[in-house]
C-alpha atoms as a PDB file:
ATOM      1  CA  MET A   1     149.525 282.962  87.498  1.00  0.00           C
ATOM      2  CA  LYS A   2     150.063 281.162  90.745  1.00  0.00           C
ATOM      3  CA  ILE A   3     147.127 281.768  93.134  1.00  0.00           C
ATOM      4  CA  GLY A   4     146.134 281.277  97.101  1.00  0.00           C
ATOM      5  CA  ILE A   5     142.583 281.324  98.057  1.00  0.00           C
ATOM      6  CA  VAL A   6     141.059 281.898 101.679  1.00  0.00           C
ATOM      7  CA  VAL A   7     137.522 280.867 102.508  1.00  0.00           C
ATOM      8  CA  ASN A   8     136.222 282.454 105.878  1.00  0.00           C
ATOM      9  CA  GLU A   9     132.805 281.072 105.923  1.00  0.00           C
ATOM     10  CA  GLY A  10     130.917 277.598 106.314  1.00  0.00           C
ATOM     11  CA  PRO A  11     129.957 275.497 103.660  1.00  0.00           C
ATOM     12  CA  TYR A  12     126.205 275.462 104.249  1.00  0.00           C
ATOM     13  CA  THR A  13     125.797 278.871 105.609  1.00  0.00           C
ATOM     14  CA  HIS A  14     127.247 281.256 103.117  1.00  0.00           C
ATOM     15  CA  GLN A  15     128.419 281.747  99.582  1.00  0.00           C
ATOM     16  CA  ALA A  16     131.532 282.269  99.881  1.00  0.00           C
ATOM     17  CA  SER A  17     132.634 278.210  99.749  1.00  0.00           C
ATOM     18  CA  ASP A  18     130.662 277.648  96.598  1.00  0.00           C
ATOM     19  CA  SER A  19     131.888 280.856  95.250  1.00  0.00           C
ATOM     20  CA  ALA A  20     135.639 279.727  96.149  1.00  0.00           C
ATOM     21  CA  TYR A  21     135.597 276.444  94.464  1.00  0.00           C
ATOM     22  CA  GLN A  22     134.039 277.573  91.528  1.00  0.00           C
ATOM     23  CA  PHE A  23     136.849 280.403  91.072  1.00  0.00           C
ATOM     24  CA  ALA A  24     139.674 277.890  91.872  1.00  0.00           C
ATOM     25  CA  VAL A  25     138.130 275.332  89.006  1.00  0.00           C
ATOM     26  CA  ALA A  26     137.470 278.087  86.835  1.00  0.00           C
ATOM     27  CA  ALA A  27     141.176 279.420  87.246  1.00  0.00           C
ATOM     28  CA  LEU A  28     142.803 275.732  87.039  1.00  0.00           C
ATOM     29  CA  LYS A  29     141.045 275.390  83.710  1.00  0.00           C
ATOM     30  CA  ALA A  30     142.350 278.373  82.138  1.00  0.00           C
ATOM     31  CA  GLY A  31     146.159 277.277  83.327  1.00  0.00           C
ATOM     32  CA  HIS A  32     146.760 278.813  86.456  1.00  0.00           C
ATOM     33  CA  LYS A  33     148.177 277.241  89.541  1.00  0.00           C
ATOM     34  CA  VAL A  34     146.166 277.370  92.681  1.00  0.00           C
ATOM     35  CA  THR A  35     148.772 276.425  95.240  1.00  0.00           C
ATOM     36  CA  ARG A  36     146.900 276.466  98.714  1.00  0.00           C
ATOM     37  CA  VAL A  37     143.357 277.289 100.191  1.00  0.00           C
ATOM     38  CA  PHE A  38     143.574 278.108 103.691  1.00  0.00           C
ATOM     39  CA  PHE A  39     140.097 278.013 105.504  1.00  0.00           C
ATOM     40  CA  TYR A  40     139.872 280.372 108.189  1.00  0.00           C
ATOM     41  CA  HIS A  41     137.212 281.422 111.176  1.00  0.00           C
ATOM     42  CA  ASP A  42     133.837 279.482 109.963  1.00  0.00           C
ATOM     43  CA  GLY A  43     135.576 278.122 106.942  1.00  0.00           C
ATOM     44  CA  VAL A  44     137.162 275.571 108.749  1.00  0.00           C
ATOM     45  CA  TYR A  45     133.663 273.712 108.592  1.00  0.00           C
ATOM     46  CA  ASN A  46     134.975 273.104 104.923  1.00  0.00           C
ATOM     47  CA  GLY A  47     137.163 270.521 106.363  1.00  0.00           C
ATOM     48  CA  SER A  48     135.173 268.600 108.621  1.00  0.00           C
ATOM     49  CA  SER A  49     134.468 264.862 107.530  1.00  0.00           C
ATOM     50  CA  LEU A  50     131.436 265.130 110.249  1.00  0.00           C
ATOM     51  CA  THR A  51     129.580 266.935 107.539  1.00  0.00           C
ATOM     52  CA  GLU A  52     126.697 264.682 106.126  1.00  0.00           C
ATOM     53  CA  PRO A  53     124.368 266.774 103.619  1.00  0.00           C
ATOM     54  CA  PRO A  54     121.561 265.268 102.112  1.00  0.00           C
ATOM     55  CA  ARG A  55     122.135 262.776  99.470  1.00  0.00           C
ATOM     56  CA  ASP A  56     120.333 265.603  96.756  1.00  0.00           C
ATOM     57  CA  ASP A  57     122.504 268.424  97.945  1.00  0.00           C
ATOM     58  CA  ARG A  58     125.760 269.364  96.948  1.00  0.00           C
ATOM     59  CA  MET A  59     128.602 267.778  98.780  1.00  0.00           C
ATOM     60  CA  ILE A  60     131.089 270.716  99.147  1.00  0.00           C
ATOM     61  CA  VAL A  61     133.699 269.021 101.761  1.00  0.00           C
ATOM     62  CA  GLU A  62     133.715 265.896  99.303  1.00  0.00           C
ATOM     63  CA  ARG A  63     134.623 268.181  96.326  1.00  0.00           C
ATOM     64  CA  TRP A  64     137.326 269.967  97.844  1.00  0.00           C
ATOM     65  CA  GLY A  65     139.142 267.280  98.761  1.00  0.00           C
ATOM     66  CA  LYS A  66     138.878 265.432  95.111  1.00  0.00           C
ATOM     67  CA  LEU A  67     139.878 269.057  93.861  1.00  0.00           C
ATOM     68  CA  ALA A  68     142.869 268.938  95.909  1.00  0.00           C
ATOM     69  CA  ALA A  69     143.673 265.385  94.755  1.00  0.00           C
ATOM     70  CA  GLN A  70     143.129 265.948  91.198  1.00  0.00           C
ATOM     71  CA  TYR A  71     145.168 268.991  91.092  1.00  0.00           C
ATOM     72  CA  GLU A  72     147.742 268.911  93.801  1.00  0.00           C
ATOM     73  CA  VAL A  73     146.240 271.804  95.974  1.00  0.00           C
ATOM     74  CA  ASP A  74     147.102 272.366  99.460  1.00  0.00           C
ATOM     75  CA  LEU A  75     144.011 272.339 101.601  1.00  0.00           C
ATOM     76  CA  VAL A  76     144.969 274.035 104.969  1.00  0.00           C
ATOM     77  CA  VAL A  77     142.925 274.485 107.997  1.00  0.00           C
ATOM     78  CA  CYS A  78     143.720 276.795 110.656  1.00  0.00           C
ATOM     79  CA  VAL A  79     144.453 274.953 113.664  1.00  0.00           C
ATOM     80  CA  ALA A  80     143.246 277.785 116.459  1.00  0.00           C
ATOM     81  CA  ALA A  81     140.051 278.455 114.417  1.00  0.00           C
ATOM     82  CA  ALA A  82     139.449 274.589 114.203  1.00  0.00           C
ATOM     83  CA  LEU A  83     140.209 273.629 117.801  1.00  0.00           C
ATOM     84  CA  ARG A  84     137.798 276.449 118.867  1.00  0.00           C
ATOM     85  CA  ARG A  85     134.922 274.672 116.631  1.00  0.00           C
ATOM     86  CA  GLY A  86     135.819 271.314 117.754  1.00  0.00           C
ATOM     87  CA  ILE A  87     137.772 270.118 114.905  1.00  0.00           C
ATOM     88  CA  ARG A  88     140.915 267.973 115.015  1.00  0.00           C
ATOM     89  CA  GLU A  89     142.984 265.506 113.255  1.00  0.00           C
ATOM     90  CA  GLN A  90     140.715 262.999 113.894  1.00  0.00           C
ATOM     91  CA  ASN A  91     137.657 264.131 112.430  1.00  0.00           C
ATOM     92  CA  LEU A  92     139.505 266.167 109.593  1.00  0.00           C
ATOM     93  CA  ALA A  93     137.927 265.413 105.872  1.00  0.00           C
ATOM     94  CA  GLU A  94     140.219 263.381 103.245  1.00  0.00           C
ATOM     95  CA  GLY A  95     142.815 266.105 101.198  1.00  0.00           C
ATOM     96  CA  PHE A  96     142.833 268.368 104.390  1.00  0.00           C
ATOM     97  CA  ARG A  97     145.269 269.310 106.727  1.00  0.00           C
ATOM     98  CA  ILE A  98     145.584 271.487 109.936  1.00  0.00           C
ATOM     99  CA  SER A  99     148.123 274.062 110.392  1.00  0.00           C
ATOM    100  CA  GLY A 100     148.697 277.425 111.611  1.00  0.00           C
ATOM    101  CA  LEU A 101     148.372 280.964 110.203  1.00  0.00           C
ATOM    102  CA  GLY A 102     151.893 280.702 108.747  1.00  0.00           C
ATOM    103  CA  GLN A 103     150.596 278.937 105.902  1.00  0.00           C
ATOM    104  CA  LEU A 104     148.232 281.929 105.265  1.00  0.00           C
ATOM    105  CA  VAL A 105     151.092 284.237 105.353  1.00  0.00           C
ATOM    106  CA  GLU A 106     153.335 282.239 103.278  1.00  0.00           C
ATOM    107  CA  ALA A 107     150.321 281.459 100.600  1.00  0.00           C
ATOM    108  CA  GLY A 108     150.600 285.704 100.072  1.00  0.00           C
ATOM    109  CA  ILE A 109     154.084 285.932  99.737  1.00  0.00           C
ATOM    110  CA  GLN A 110     154.549 283.073  97.358  1.00  0.00           C
ATOM    111  CA  ASN A 111     151.623 283.384  95.046  1.00  0.00           C
ATOM    112  CA  ASP A 112     150.846 286.129  92.587  1.00  0.00           C
ATOM    113  CA  ARG A 113     147.478 286.480  93.783  1.00  0.00           C
ATOM    114  CA  LEU A 114     145.642 285.896  97.011  1.00  0.00           C
ATOM    115  CA  VAL A 115     141.979 285.888  96.954  1.00  0.00           C
ATOM    116  CA  VAL A 116     139.440 286.003  99.913  1.00  0.00           C
ATOM    117  CA  PHE A 117     136.070 284.758  99.937  1.00  0.00           C
ATOM    118  CA  GLY A 118     133.670 285.846 102.943  1.00  0.00           C
ATOM    119  CA  ASP A 119     133.738 287.865 105.791  1.00  0.00           C
END
């Protein structure tokens, strides 16, 4: 099964990012293909290279990047939502790219499921 994921909440303010990541890992391990994760609204903070959690905390941004590299998952940060929050190409974390809502629409069309995490 091909799966697209939407994350609407920030990495340290809501459970959505953690749940989306765990869901993606479980789906991939079960043999499914996660084609794209689209970060929207406050979810764009998941792609910020400016995030620096304490050493004993989970590195949410970094683990998304590693997942993308290992499984060839397309991590897309919504350009409009990102610019509203001060996120630009220069401060985008490794493995992420900025694009428009067309990528979200495409994920909904090309995948068997589109799973949304967050409000």
